[in-house]
Amino acid sequence: MIGSSSRLLSLLSLLQTPRQWPGHVLADRLAVTPRTVRRDVARLRDLGYQISSVKGVDGGYQLAAGSELPPLLFDDEQAVAIAIALQSVPAGGVDIDEAAARALATVRQVMPSRLRHRIDGIRFTGAQTPARVDPAVLEAVSAAVRDHLTLQFDYIERRDAPRRLEPHAIVARKSRWYLIGWDLDKTEWRFFRLDRVAPRTPAGPRFTPRALPAPDAQAFLAARSKGSEAEDRWPCVGHVLVDLPAIDVAPWIGDGEFEQVTDTSTLMTIGSWSWTGVLAFVTRFDAPFTVIGPEPLRVAAGTLADRFRISQIQPGVTPATEVTS
């Protein structure tokens, strides 16, 4: 059984989660009796923590909003999470590298030696994403999303008129940040790269949120990235048998699927925006292949083969050379 001080820390860590904790659930998590949980809650209250309790089947304990917590009450797992999160900032796409480094140094300085030693052992480097989001932009747009305020912004690298948007959500995807919303001028759902958004102030009037044509914002972005309207799937999905063992296919299949047929052949299921896109993906493997289906993929394969034959340079014909001044 853990000591009383460590148990109080673990209890406080659980109560920081914004939910109600039934007494028996806390007892199970801490491996103690419900009576011990009640005593520990009383001790935390004596220390100044505002912990509310609700009786009944749906009741439980919860840390009241506005409670002032000691800034460095971290258990081991939280310390590791902080170290990893702060060091991952350069690959996160938001331009707060310096602030994150200073935050990690501050946290480390006042931690117990045991935890300092543990987070000092976590060292790694990550590629810095080239598209960096200004934290002020992230904050301004997030506020517009939260408060349902119409957003007017310039889209950098475009000479279009300012955009007017009912912002719905911000999504981080593959180290890039995207703003999803209803475009008031084009009257359709759109998404924009947040590193190219320059908000105009003040924000516009409030609006009533519309229903997104997808289960959630992440699903919407994934669908549109694949050329689909609302479902996270490719419009064109084909099946191709390639003359390669599965071990050579697996590292490069992306979000496709594969099944080993023989020691030297693999059945691949691949999606793309078009049937020609499916074929282009297959040719990256530089190996003979057989199109299994569906029929539109077989038709596209024949069309592409004819296109390649026509575009071949005829013997004796010299390609045109570009002349630069």
Protein backbone atom coordinates (compact mmCIF):
# COMPACT_ATOMS: atom_id res chain seq x y z
CA MET A 1 0.00 0.00 0.00
CA ILE A 2 1.33 3.45 -0.84
CA GLY A 3 2.10 5.91 1.95
CA SER A 4 -0.43 8.50 3.06
CA SER A 5 1.44 11.45 1.49
CA SER A 6 1.81 9.67 -1.85
CA ARG A 7 -1.81 8.59 -1.66
CA LEU A 8 -2.97 12.16 -1.10
CA LEU A 9 -0.96 13.24 -4.13
CA SER A 10 -2.52 10.47 -6.24
CA LEU A 11 -6.00 11.38 -4.98
CA LEU A 12 -5.46 15.06 -5.79
CA SER A 13 -4.18 14.13 -9.25
CA LEU A 14 -7.38 12.15 -9.94
CA LEU A 15 -9.62 14.94 -8.62
CA GLN A 16 -8.00 17.42 -11.01
CA THR A 17 -9.74 15.58 -13.85
CA PRO A 18 -12.96 17.49 -14.64
CA ARG A 19 -15.42 14.76 -13.61
CA GLN A 20 -17.16 13.40 -10.54
CA TRP A 21 -15.46 10.43 -8.89
CA PRO A 22 -17.68 7.99 -6.96
CA GLY A 23 -16.07 7.02 -3.66
CA HIS A 24 -15.83 3.32 -4.50
CA VAL A 25 -14.09 4.12 -7.83
CA LEU A 26 -11.49 6.22 -6.03
CA ALA A 27 -11.05 3.44 -3.49
CA ASP A 28 -10.40 0.92 -6.27
CA ARG A 29 -7.93 3.22 -8.03
CA LEU A 30 -6.01 3.87 -4.81
CA ALA A 31 -6.31 0.31 -3.47
CA VAL A 32 -7.84 1.47 -0.19
CA THR A 33 -11.24 1.35 1.50
CA PRO A 34 -14.01 3.92 0.89
CA ARG A 35 -13.56 4.98 4.53
CA THR A 36 -9.90 5.86 3.82
CA VAL A 37 -10.98 7.88 0.80
CA ARG A 38 -13.38 9.88 2.99
CA ARG A 39 -10.60 10.57 5.50
CA ASP A 40 -8.18 11.63 2.74
CA VAL A 41 -10.77 13.97 1.23
CA ALA A 42 -11.23 15.54 4.66
CA ARG A 43 -7.45 16.02 4.96
CA LEU A 44 -7.32 17.76 1.58
CA ARG A 45 -10.16 20.04 2.62
CA ASP A 46 -8.22 20.88 5.78
CA LEU A 47 -5.31 21.87 3.53
CA GLY A 48 -7.54 24.37 1.73
CA TYR A 49 -8.69 22.39 -1.31
CA GLN A 50 -12.35 22.95 -2.24
CA ILE A 51 -13.74 19.48 -2.87
CA SER A 52 -17.47 19.16 -3.45
CA SER A 53 -19.39 15.95 -2.82
CA VAL A 54 -22.76 14.82 -4.11
CA LYS A 55 -24.62 11.90 -2.57
CA GLY A 56 -26.56 9.35 -4.55
CA VAL A 57 -26.04 6.95 -7.43
CA ASP A 58 -24.79 9.69 -9.75
CA GLY A 59 -22.81 11.49 -7.08
CA GLY A 60 -19.19 11.58 -6.11
CA TYR A 61 -16.25 13.87 -5.35
CA GLN A 62 -15.00 16.69 -7.54
CA LEU A 63 -12.46 19.47 -7.15
CA ALA A 64 -14.38 22.74 -7.20
CA ALA A 65 -13.69 25.23 -9.98
CA GLY A 66 -11.29 27.96 -8.94
CA SER A 67 -9.33 25.88 -6.45
CA GLU A 68 -5.74 27.05 -6.23
CA LEU A 69 -3.40 24.13 -6.75
CA PRO A 70 0.30 24.03 -5.92
CA PRO A 71 1.89 24.42 -9.37
CA LEU A 72 4.17 21.39 -9.16
CA LEU A 73 2.06 18.60 -7.67
CA PHE A 74 3.00 16.02 -10.28
CA ASP A 75 3.24 12.29 -9.94
CA ASP A 76 5.90 10.39 -11.91
CA GLU A 77 3.68 9.77 -14.93
CA GLN A 78 2.69 13.43 -15.12
CA ALA A 79 6.33 14.50 -14.93
CA VAL A 80 7.21 12.23 -17.84
CA ALA A 81 4.21 13.51 -19.82
CA ILE A 82 5.27 17.13 -19.26
CA ALA A 83 8.85 16.45 -20.37
CA ILE A 84 7.72 14.67 -23.53
CA ALA A 85 5.05 17.25 -24.38
CA LEU A 86 7.34 20.26 -23.94
CA GLN A 87 10.16 18.69 -25.95
CA SER A 88 7.68 17.77 -28.72
CA VAL A 89 6.70 21.41 -29.25
CA PRO A 90 9.01 22.03 -32.29
CA ALA A 91 7.20 19.28 -34.20
CA GLY A 92 3.79 20.51 -33.09
CA GLY A 93 3.46 23.32 -35.59
CA VAL A 94 2.93 26.24 -33.16
CA ASP A 95 5.68 28.83 -32.81
CA ILE A 96 6.26 28.52 -29.03
CA ASP A 97 9.63 26.71 -28.99
CA GLU A 98 11.40 29.22 -26.74
CA ALA A 99 8.51 29.41 -24.27
CA ALA A 100 8.34 25.62 -24.09
CA ALA A 101 12.09 25.35 -23.41
CA ARG A 102 11.82 27.92 -20.61
CA ALA A 103 8.78 26.12 -19.16
CA LEU A 104 10.65 22.81 -19.10
CA ALA A 105 13.64 24.46 -17.39
CA THR A 106 11.35 26.02 -14.77
CA VAL A 107 9.54 22.78 -14.08
CA ARG A 108 12.78 20.87 -13.81
CA GLN A 109 14.38 23.36 -11.42
CA VAL A 110 11.80 22.99 -8.67
CA MET A 111 11.07 19.27 -8.99
CA PRO A 112 12.39 16.73 -6.50
CA SER A 113 15.73 15.21 -7.52
CA ARG A 114 14.09 11.86 -8.23
CA LEU A 115 11.78 13.39 -10.83
CA ARG A 116 14.52 15.65 -12.23
CA HIS A 117 16.66 12.58 -12.85
CA ARG A 118 13.79 10.86 -14.61
CA ILE A 119 12.88 13.70 -16.97
CA ASP A 120 16.57 14.41 -17.66
CA GLY A 121 16.73 10.93 -19.15
CA ILE A 122 14.09 11.82 -21.73
CA ARG A 123 15.96 13.47 -24.56
CA PHE A 124 15.03 13.34 -28.23
CA THR A 125 14.96 15.54 -31.29
CA GLY A 126 12.14 16.00 -33.77
CA ALA A 127 11.93 17.62 -37.16
CA GLN A 128 10.58 21.16 -36.97
CA THR A 129 7.55 21.60 -39.16
CA PRO A 130 8.06 24.33 -41.80
CA ALA A 131 4.53 25.70 -41.36
CA ARG A 132 4.51 27.51 -38.02
CA VAL A 133 1.33 28.89 -36.46
CA ASP A 134 1.57 32.18 -34.57
CA PRO A 135 0.29 31.48 -31.02
CA ALA A 136 -1.57 34.81 -31.10
CA VAL A 137 -3.48 33.62 -34.18
CA LEU A 138 -4.24 30.29 -32.53
CA GLU A 139 -5.56 32.11 -29.46
CA ALA A 140 -7.70 34.57 -31.44
CA VAL A 141 -9.24 31.94 -33.69
CA SER A 142 -9.83 29.57 -30.77
CA ALA A 143 -11.73 32.34 -28.97
CA ALA A 144 -13.90 32.89 -32.06
CA VAL A 145 -14.65 29.16 -32.20
CA ARG A 146 -15.49 29.04 -28.50
CA ASP A 147 -17.70 32.15 -28.50
CA HIS A 148 -19.34 31.47 -31.91
CA LEU A 149 -18.12 34.76 -33.38
CA THR A 150 -17.98 35.35 -37.13
CA LEU A 151 -14.36 35.53 -38.24
CA GLN A 152 -13.03 37.80 -40.97
CA PHE A 153 -9.50 37.08 -42.13
CA ASP A 154 -7.00 37.44 -44.93
CA TYR A 155 -5.62 34.24 -46.38
CA ILE A 156 -1.86 34.73 -46.82
CA GLU A 157 -0.41 33.96 -50.27
CA ARG A 158 -3.84 34.52 -51.80
CA ARG A 159 -5.01 37.80 -53.32
CA ASP A 160 -8.67 37.07 -52.70
CA ALA A 161 -10.96 39.39 -50.80
CA PRO A 162 -11.07 38.86 -47.02
CA ARG A 163 -12.82 35.64 -46.05
CA ARG A 164 -15.91 35.60 -43.83
CA LEU A 165 -16.30 32.41 -41.86
CA GLU A 166 -18.40 30.90 -39.11
CA PRO A 167 -15.56 29.02 -37.39
CA HIS A 168 -16.45 25.54 -36.18
CA ALA A 169 -13.22 23.89 -34.98
CA ILE A 170 -9.44 23.83 -35.12
CA VAL A 171 -7.83 20.50 -35.94
CA ALA A 172 -4.17 19.50 -35.76
CA ARG A 173 -3.33 16.89 -38.39
CA LYS A 174 0.12 15.63 -39.36
CA SER A 175 1.93 18.62 -37.80
CA ARG A 176 -0.31 21.13 -39.53
CA TRP A 177 -3.19 23.11 -38.05
CA TYR A 178 -6.47 23.66 -39.87
CA LEU A 179 -9.47 25.91 -39.33
CA ILE A 180 -12.84 24.39 -40.28
CA GLY A 181 -15.92 26.53 -40.77
CA TRP A 182 -18.86 27.60 -42.86
CA ASP A 183 -17.78 29.99 -45.62
CA LEU A 184 -20.41 32.74 -45.71
CA ASP A 185 -19.48 33.89 -49.22
CA LYS A 186 -19.21 30.49 -50.89
CA THR A 187 -22.02 29.03 -48.71
CA GLU A 188 -20.24 25.77 -48.07
CA TRP A 189 -18.03 24.04 -45.52
CA ARG A 190 -14.33 24.79 -46.04
CA PHE A 191 -11.04 24.26 -44.26
CA PHE A 192 -8.00 26.55 -44.19
CA ARG A 193 -4.42 26.15 -43.05
CA LEU A 194 -4.09 28.09 -39.84
CA ASP A 195 -0.50 29.21 -40.57
CA ARG A 196 -1.92 31.19 -43.52
CA VAL A 197 -4.78 32.82 -41.61
CA ALA A 198 -4.44 36.48 -40.60
CA PRO A 199 -7.52 37.39 -38.51
CA ARG A 200 -9.00 40.87 -38.71
CA THR A 201 -10.19 42.51 -35.52
CA PRO A 202 -12.59 42.93 -33.97
CA ALA A 203 -14.45 39.69 -34.57
CA GLY A 204 -17.88 39.82 -36.16
CA PRO A 205 -21.33 39.11 -34.73
CA ARG A 206 -22.35 35.91 -32.97
CA PHE A 207 -23.86 33.08 -34.99
CA THR A 208 -25.81 29.91 -34.31
CA PRO A 209 -23.54 26.91 -35.01
CA ARG A 210 -24.47 24.69 -37.93
CA ALA A 211 -24.35 20.91 -37.93
CA LEU A 212 -21.11 19.66 -39.45
CA PRO A 213 -21.69 17.11 -42.29
CA ALA A 214 -19.52 14.53 -40.51
CA PRO A 215 -19.38 12.84 -37.10
CA ASP A 216 -16.76 15.32 -35.88
CA ALA A 217 -14.20 17.86 -37.09
CA GLN A 218 -11.38 15.32 -37.42
CA ALA A 219 -13.55 13.02 -39.53
CA PHE A 220 -14.58 15.98 -41.71
CA LEU A 221 -10.98 17.00 -42.36
CA ALA A 222 -9.89 13.42 -43.05
CA ALA A 223 -12.78 13.01 -45.50
CA ARG A 224 -12.08 16.23 -47.39
CA SER A 225 -8.36 15.38 -47.51
CA LYS A 226 -9.32 12.20 -49.34
CA GLY A 227 -11.71 13.94 -51.72
CA SER A 228 -14.83 12.66 -49.97
CA GLU A 229 -17.72 14.80 -48.78
CA ALA A 230 -18.29 13.49 -45.26
CA GLU A 231 -16.98 9.95 -44.82
CA ASP A 232 -13.34 9.18 -44.00
CA ARG A 233 -12.75 7.07 -47.09
CA TRP A 234 -11.24 7.36 -50.55
CA PRO A 235 -13.65 7.81 -53.48
CA CYS A 236 -11.74 5.16 -55.46
CA VAL A 237 -10.54 1.91 -53.88
CA GLY A 238 -8.83 -0.77 -55.99
CA HIS A 239 -7.33 -4.23 -55.57
CA VAL A 240 -3.99 -5.01 -57.17
CA LEU A 241 -1.75 -8.10 -57.02
CA VAL A 242 1.90 -7.03 -57.00
CA ASP A 243 4.89 -9.32 -57.50
CA LEU A 244 6.56 -8.52 -54.18
CA PRO A 245 6.62 -10.27 -50.82
CA ALA A 246 4.51 -8.68 -48.08
CA ILE A 247 7.62 -7.68 -46.13
CA ASP A 248 8.61 -5.34 -48.98
CA VAL A 249 5.12 -3.86 -49.26
CA ALA A 250 4.31 -3.25 -45.58
CA PRO A 251 6.58 -0.23 -44.93
CA TRP A 252 5.17 1.74 -47.89
CA ILE A 253 1.47 0.85 -47.98
CA GLY A 254 0.37 3.99 -46.10
CA ASP A 255 -3.30 3.77 -45.15
CA GLY A 256 -3.85 0.89 -47.59
CA GLU A 257 -4.21 -2.76 -46.70
CA PHE A 258 -2.27 -5.80 -47.84
CA GLU A 259 -2.51 -9.58 -47.70
CA GLN A 260 0.28 -12.01 -48.51
CA VAL A 261 -0.86 -14.41 -51.26
CA THR A 262 2.38 -16.31 -51.91
CA ASP A 263 5.97 -15.89 -50.81
CA THR A 264 6.52 -13.55 -53.75
CA SER A 265 3.14 -11.84 -54.27
CA THR A 266 0.91 -9.56 -52.22
CA LEU A 267 -2.68 -8.40 -52.69
CA MET A 268 -2.95 -4.66 -52.02
CA THR A 269 -6.12 -2.65 -51.38
CA ILE A 270 -5.39 1.00 -52.17
CA GLY A 271 -7.45 4.16 -52.11
CA SER A 272 -6.98 7.43 -53.96
CA TRP A 273 -8.79 10.47 -55.37
CA SER A 274 -9.02 8.78 -58.79
CA TRP A 275 -8.49 5.40 -60.42
CA THR A 276 -5.38 6.77 -62.11
CA GLY A 277 -4.18 7.79 -58.65
CA VAL A 278 -4.51 4.17 -57.49
CA LEU A 279 -2.36 3.04 -60.43
CA ALA A 280 0.20 5.79 -59.77
CA PHE A 281 0.54 4.51 -56.20
CA VAL A 282 1.12 0.96 -57.40
CA THR A 283 3.81 1.94 -59.90
CA ARG A 284 5.89 3.38 -57.03
CA PHE A 285 6.77 -0.19 -56.08
CA ASP A 286 8.54 -0.68 -59.45
CA ALA A 287 7.37 -4.29 -59.78
CA PRO A 288 5.04 -6.20 -62.13
CA PHE A 289 1.41 -6.16 -61.03
CA THR A 290 -2.03 -7.42 -62.04
CA VAL A 291 -5.18 -5.33 -61.68
CA ILE A 292 -7.84 -7.38 -59.90
CA GLY A 293 -10.64 -4.84 -59.84
CA PRO A 294 -13.04 -3.20 -59.82
CA GLU A 295 -13.92 -2.64 -63.45
CA PRO A 296 -13.26 1.15 -63.44
CA LEU A 297 -9.69 0.43 -62.32
CA ARG A 298 -9.18 -2.02 -65.18
CA VAL A 299 -10.51 0.57 -67.63
CA ALA A 300 -8.20 3.23 -66.19
CA ALA A 301 -5.24 0.84 -66.51
CA GLY A 302 -5.98 0.35 -70.23
CA THR A 303 -6.38 4.09 -70.79
CA LEU A 304 -3.13 4.83 -68.97
CA ALA A 305 -1.25 2.16 -70.95
CA ASP A 306 -2.49 3.69 -74.22
CA ARG A 307 -1.46 7.13 -73.00
CA PHE A 308 2.06 5.95 -72.27
CA ARG A 309 2.36 4.29 -75.67
CA ILE A 310 1.24 7.42 -77.47
CA SER A 311 3.57 9.66 -75.48
CA GLN A 312 6.68 7.57 -76.17
CA ILE A 313 9.33 9.41 -78.15
CA GLN A 314 9.57 7.93 -81.64
CA PRO A 315 12.98 6.73 -82.87
CA GLY A 316 14.97 9.49 -84.55
CA VAL A 317 12.92 12.27 -82.93
CA THR A 318 14.92 14.64 -80.75
CA PRO A 319 13.09 16.12 -77.76
CA ALA A 320 12.71 19.89 -77.73
CA THR A 321 15.24 21.67 -75.53
CA GLU A 322 14.15 24.54 -73.35
CA VAL A 323 16.14 27.69 -74.05
CA THR A 324 16.68 30.14 -71.22
CA SER A 325 17.98 33.67 -71.52
